[in-house]
């Protein structure tokens, strides 16, 4: 069992320490845990300027020293809109991260999906612009896995997507070597499917995709690895028997 999408107190929306997560990981008998705190550079985000790489690595090195014999402890980052904040992304890549998630948090007038929902932005407009940003992000590349591929679904309750457009996004991801994250935070939000759905995951397979990662996108230790069995069932079930569940798509994970 593993979790490659974990937020700590180095993200503005979490208060959890790495120590708390490591203790929970021991209870769950996790083989891998990757801390992937937010790096958001949209100035309207409350996390703008919050992330401190030096503080993150200071705590991370202590956690790896203390618990590294019991599990693989990886250092990562969730970098939002890397294709927009290219200079900051290049600077982030100078740090020795094992794993980098790419994501889209803001689009349409610098709003996030919660703000779009409150502003009554039509669902078709939300997703049309969102998929454009996802395509731009994966075309730029440089990160290991695309996080919560149909992210607005967590707020709006459903996805809108064109099969042809999604196939194109996936073909770019395959060409760039970008994995697809199976993100289960939508289950905790009350939905009955992960991000992506089984249908979208099947399209990824048809596009030649074999690299997938699992992330609970947790901000509390008690949610660590939640939905893992659901994700494994999606990947190892009949529709995707040939898909590889990648535990290590990292750049610098020690052998």
Protein backbone atom coordinates (compact mmCIF):
# COMPACT_ATOMS: atom_id res chain seq x y z
CA UNK A 1 0.00 0.00 0.00
CA UNK A 2 1.19 3.52 -0.77
CA UNK A 3 0.11 7.15 -1.04
CA UNK A 4 1.86 9.56 -3.40
CA UNK A 5 -0.28 12.65 -2.76
CA UNK A 6 0.02 13.85 0.84
CA UNK A 7 -0.24 17.41 2.18
CA UNK A 8 1.35 18.55 5.42
CA UNK A 9 1.56 21.79 7.38
CA UNK A 10 3.84 23.08 4.61
CA UNK A 11 0.62 23.51 2.61
CA UNK A 12 -1.62 26.35 3.74
CA UNK A 13 -4.65 24.06 3.92
CA UNK A 14 -3.18 21.43 6.26
CA UNK A 15 -1.99 21.37 9.84
CA UNK A 16 -0.63 17.81 9.85
CA UNK A 17 3.01 17.08 10.60
CA UNK A 18 5.12 14.53 8.74
CA UNK A 19 5.54 12.71 12.05
CA UNK A 20 1.76 12.22 12.28
CA UNK A 21 1.65 10.82 8.77
CA UNK A 22 4.58 8.48 9.36
CA UNK A 23 2.96 7.07 12.49
CA UNK A 24 -0.28 6.52 10.57
CA UNK A 25 1.67 4.94 7.70
CA UNK A 26 3.16 2.46 10.16
CA UNK A 27 -0.33 1.54 11.37
CA UNK A 28 -1.44 0.97 7.77
CA UNK A 29 1.76 -0.86 6.85
CA UNK A 30 2.40 1.49 3.92
CA UNK A 31 5.34 0.67 1.69
CA UNK A 32 5.63 4.21 0.25
CA UNK A 33 4.56 7.67 1.31
CA UNK A 34 5.29 10.83 -0.64
CA UNK A 35 4.82 14.31 0.81
CA UNK A 36 3.58 16.60 -1.96
CA UNK A 37 2.87 20.03 -0.56
CA UNK A 38 1.27 22.79 -2.61
CA UNK A 39 3.32 25.22 -4.65
CA UNK A 40 0.77 27.77 -5.85
CA UNK A 41 1.86 30.97 -7.56
CA UNK A 42 -1.51 32.45 -8.43
CA UNK A 43 -1.57 35.64 -6.38
CA UNK A 44 -5.25 35.22 -5.53
CA UNK A 45 -4.59 31.88 -3.80
CA UNK A 46 -4.33 32.02 -0.02
CA UNK A 47 -1.30 29.77 -0.32
CA UNK A 48 0.64 32.22 -2.47
CA UNK A 49 4.09 32.59 -0.91
CA UNK A 50 3.25 30.09 1.84
CA UNK A 51 5.43 27.16 0.78
CA UNK A 52 8.98 27.23 2.14
CA UNK A 53 11.18 24.60 0.52
CA UNK A 54 13.90 24.90 3.17
CA UNK A 55 11.42 24.30 5.99
CA UNK A 56 9.86 21.42 4.06
CA UNK A 57 13.18 19.65 3.51
CA UNK A 58 14.27 20.23 7.09
CA UNK A 59 11.24 18.37 8.41
CA UNK A 60 11.39 15.81 5.62
CA UNK A 61 15.01 14.85 6.34
CA UNK A 62 14.19 14.30 10.01
CA UNK A 63 11.20 12.12 9.11
CA UNK A 64 13.20 10.06 6.62
CA UNK A 65 15.99 9.56 9.17
CA UNK A 66 13.54 8.43 11.86
CA UNK A 67 11.15 6.30 9.79
CA UNK A 68 13.04 5.53 6.59
CA UNK A 69 13.93 2.00 7.67
CA UNK A 70 10.23 1.14 7.94
CA UNK A 71 8.98 2.51 4.62
CA UNK A 72 10.05 4.43 1.51
CA UNK A 73 9.62 8.10 2.39
CA UNK A 74 9.68 10.35 -0.66
CA UNK A 75 9.81 14.11 -1.06
CA UNK A 76 7.51 15.61 -3.62
CA UNK A 77 5.60 18.70 -4.63
CA UNK A 78 2.26 19.52 -6.22
CA UNK A 79 2.99 22.36 -8.61
CA UNK A 80 -0.06 24.16 -9.98
CA UNK A 81 -0.13 25.56 -13.52
CA UNK A 82 3.53 24.80 -14.37
CA UNK A 83 2.99 26.02 -17.95
CA UNK A 84 2.10 29.48 -16.63
CA UNK A 85 4.67 29.82 -13.84
CA UNK A 86 7.60 28.52 -15.83
CA UNK A 87 10.35 30.41 -14.04
CA UNK A 88 9.09 29.26 -10.64
CA UNK A 89 8.72 25.71 -11.96
CA UNK A 90 12.31 25.71 -13.20
CA UNK A 91 13.42 26.92 -9.78
CA UNK A 92 11.43 24.16 -8.07
CA UNK A 93 13.11 21.56 -10.25
CA UNK A 94 16.47 22.57 -8.77
CA UNK A 95 15.42 20.94 -5.51
CA UNK A 96 15.97 17.18 -5.09
CA UNK A 97 12.31 16.14 -5.29
CA UNK A 98 11.67 12.47 -5.88
CA UNK A 99 8.26 13.07 -7.43
CA UNK A 100 6.41 16.01 -8.97
CA UNK A 101 2.67 16.32 -9.45
CA UNK A 102 1.26 18.81 -11.93
CA UNK A 103 -2.19 20.28 -11.40
CA UNK A 104 -4.62 22.98 -12.44
CA UNK A 105 -6.28 24.96 -9.65
CA UNK A 106 -7.15 28.28 -11.31
CA UNK A 107 -8.71 29.20 -14.64
CA UNK A 108 -11.54 31.49 -15.84
CA UNK A 109 -10.77 34.92 -14.36
CA UNK A 110 -8.32 33.51 -11.81
CA UNK A 111 -11.06 31.60 -10.02
CA UNK A 112 -10.81 28.13 -8.51
CA UNK A 113 -13.73 25.70 -8.94
CA UNK A 114 -15.28 26.55 -5.58
CA UNK A 115 -15.41 30.21 -6.61
CA UNK A 116 -16.80 29.26 -10.03
CA UNK A 117 -19.55 27.27 -8.35
CA UNK A 118 -20.43 30.21 -6.12
CA UNK A 119 -20.39 32.52 -9.16
CA UNK A 120 -22.79 30.23 -11.07
CA UNK A 121 -20.36 29.73 -13.97
CA UNK A 122 -22.03 27.24 -16.35
CA UNK A 123 -20.64 23.72 -16.10
CA UNK A 124 -19.88 23.51 -19.82
CA UNK A 125 -17.78 26.69 -19.63
CA UNK A 126 -15.98 25.46 -16.52
CA UNK A 127 -14.90 22.22 -18.14
CA UNK A 128 -14.22 23.61 -21.62
CA UNK A 129 -11.67 26.06 -20.24
CA UNK A 130 -10.34 23.56 -17.74
CA UNK A 131 -9.47 20.97 -20.38
CA UNK A 132 -7.67 23.64 -22.38
CA UNK A 133 -5.46 24.36 -19.37
CA UNK A 134 -4.82 20.67 -18.75
CA UNK A 135 -3.70 20.27 -22.35
CA UNK A 136 -1.37 23.26 -22.03
CA UNK A 137 0.09 21.85 -18.80
CA UNK A 138 0.79 18.35 -20.11
CA UNK A 139 2.12 19.76 -23.39
CA UNK A 140 4.61 21.79 -21.35
CA UNK A 141 5.39 18.72 -19.22
CA UNK A 142 8.35 18.33 -16.90
CA UNK A 143 6.39 16.73 -14.05
CA UNK A 144 5.82 13.07 -13.26
CA UNK A 145 2.05 12.66 -12.86
CA UNK A 146 -1.07 14.70 -13.63
CA UNK A 147 -3.06 15.16 -10.43
CA UNK A 148 -6.87 14.86 -10.15
CA UNK A 149 -7.38 14.93 -13.93
CA UNK A 150 -11.07 15.98 -13.79
CA UNK A 151 -10.64 18.21 -10.73
CA UNK A 152 -13.83 20.34 -11.12
CA UNK A 153 -15.86 17.17 -10.57
CA UNK A 154 -15.01 17.27 -6.88
CA UNK A 155 -16.98 20.52 -6.59
CA UNK A 156 -19.62 20.22 -9.29
CA UNK A 157 -20.39 16.53 -8.77
CA UNK A 158 -19.89 15.42 -12.36
CA UNK A 159 -17.60 15.76 -15.36
CA UNK A 160 -18.13 17.03 -18.87
CA UNK A 161 -15.64 15.92 -21.49
CA UNK A 162 -15.26 15.13 -25.15
CA UNK A 163 -13.82 11.71 -25.86
CA UNK A 164 -11.71 13.05 -28.73
CA UNK A 165 -10.28 15.87 -26.61
CA UNK A 166 -9.48 13.56 -23.71
CA UNK A 167 -7.83 11.10 -26.07
CA UNK A 168 -5.65 13.94 -27.32
CA UNK A 169 -4.67 14.95 -23.77
CA UNK A 170 -3.81 11.35 -22.95
CA UNK A 171 -1.78 10.89 -26.13
CA UNK A 172 0.30 13.92 -25.16
CA UNK A 173 0.77 12.53 -21.66
CA UNK A 174 1.91 9.18 -23.03
CA UNK A 175 4.36 10.90 -25.38
CA UNK A 176 5.72 13.05 -22.55
CA UNK A 177 5.94 10.12 -20.11
CA UNK A 178 3.46 11.73 -17.69
CA UNK A 179 1.58 9.29 -15.48
CA UNK A 180 -2.13 9.57 -14.66
CA UNK A 181 -3.01 9.91 -10.99
CA UNK A 182 -5.91 7.95 -9.54
CA UNK A 183 -7.08 10.49 -6.98
CA UNK A 184 -9.64 9.30 -4.45
CA UNK A 185 -10.39 12.56 -2.65
CA UNK A 186 -13.67 12.72 -4.59
CA UNK A 187 -14.87 9.67 -2.64
CA UNK A 188 -14.45 11.58 0.61
CA UNK A 189 -16.41 14.42 -1.01
CA UNK A 190 -19.36 12.08 -1.38
CA UNK A 191 -18.97 11.03 -5.01
CA UNK A 192 -19.04 7.41 -6.13
CA UNK A 193 -16.06 7.60 -8.47
CA UNK A 194 -12.44 8.64 -8.33
CA UNK A 195 -10.71 11.23 -10.48
CA UNK A 196 -10.66 9.94 -13.20
CA UNK A 197 -13.68 7.68 -13.62
CA UNK A 198 -13.35 4.13 -14.88
CA UNK A 199 -14.54 5.25 -18.32
CA UNK A 200 -11.84 7.90 -18.55
CA UNK A 201 -9.22 5.47 -17.28
CA UNK A 202 -10.19 3.10 -20.05
CA UNK A 203 -9.54 5.88 -22.60
CA UNK A 204 -6.10 6.37 -21.05
CA UNK A 205 -5.37 2.71 -21.59
CA UNK A 206 -6.56 2.90 -25.21
CA UNK A 207 -4.25 5.87 -25.73
CA UNK A 208 -1.33 3.63 -24.72
CA UNK A 209 -1.13 4.79 -21.13
CA UNK A 210 0.37 2.37 -18.64
CA UNK A 211 1.75 4.70 -15.96
CA UNK A 212 -0.62 5.41 -13.11
CA UNK A 213 -0.04 6.65 -9.57
CA UNK A 214 -2.29 6.61 -6.51
CA UNK A 215 -3.00 9.59 -4.31
CA UNK A 216 -5.58 10.11 -1.58
CA UNK A 217 -4.83 13.86 -1.73
CA UNK A 218 -5.01 13.86 2.03
CA UNK A 219 -4.64 16.89 4.29
CA UNK A 220 -5.17 14.91 7.52
CA UNK A 221 -3.32 11.86 8.80
CA UNK A 222 -6.56 9.94 9.31
CA UNK A 223 -7.28 10.07 5.56
CA UNK A 224 -3.91 8.65 4.53
CA UNK A 225 -4.25 6.10 1.69
CA UNK A 226 -8.05 6.28 1.88
CA UNK A 227 -9.64 4.77 -1.22
CA UNK A 228 -6.55 2.72 -2.03
CA UNK A 229 -8.53 -0.51 -2.52
CA UNK A 230 -11.00 1.35 -4.75
CA UNK A 231 -8.13 2.56 -6.95
CA UNK A 232 -6.52 -0.86 -7.14
CA UNK A 233 -9.84 -2.36 -8.18
CA UNK A 234 -10.10 0.22 -10.97
CA UNK A 235 -6.63 -0.56 -12.22
CA UNK A 236 -6.46 -4.31 -11.74
CA UNK A 237 -10.07 -5.07 -12.67
CA UNK A 238 -11.14 -6.71 -15.89
CA UNK A 239 -11.07 -3.55 -18.00
CA UNK A 240 -7.45 -2.72 -17.20
CA UNK A 241 -5.75 -6.03 -16.56
CA UNK A 242 -2.64 -4.96 -18.48
CA UNK A 243 -2.21 -1.59 -16.81
CA UNK A 244 0.84 -1.25 -14.57
CA UNK A 245 0.31 0.25 -11.10
CA UNK A 246 3.46 2.31 -10.81
CA UNK A 247 4.82 2.70 -7.28
CA UNK A 248 7.88 4.59 -8.40
CA UNK A 249 7.65 7.09 -11.22
CA UNK A 250 10.13 9.24 -9.39
CA UNK A 251 13.24 10.87 -10.78
CA UNK A 252 15.64 10.22 -7.94
CA UNK A 253 14.20 7.45 -5.84
CA UNK A 254 17.08 5.44 -4.38
CA UNK A 255 17.23 1.75 -5.37
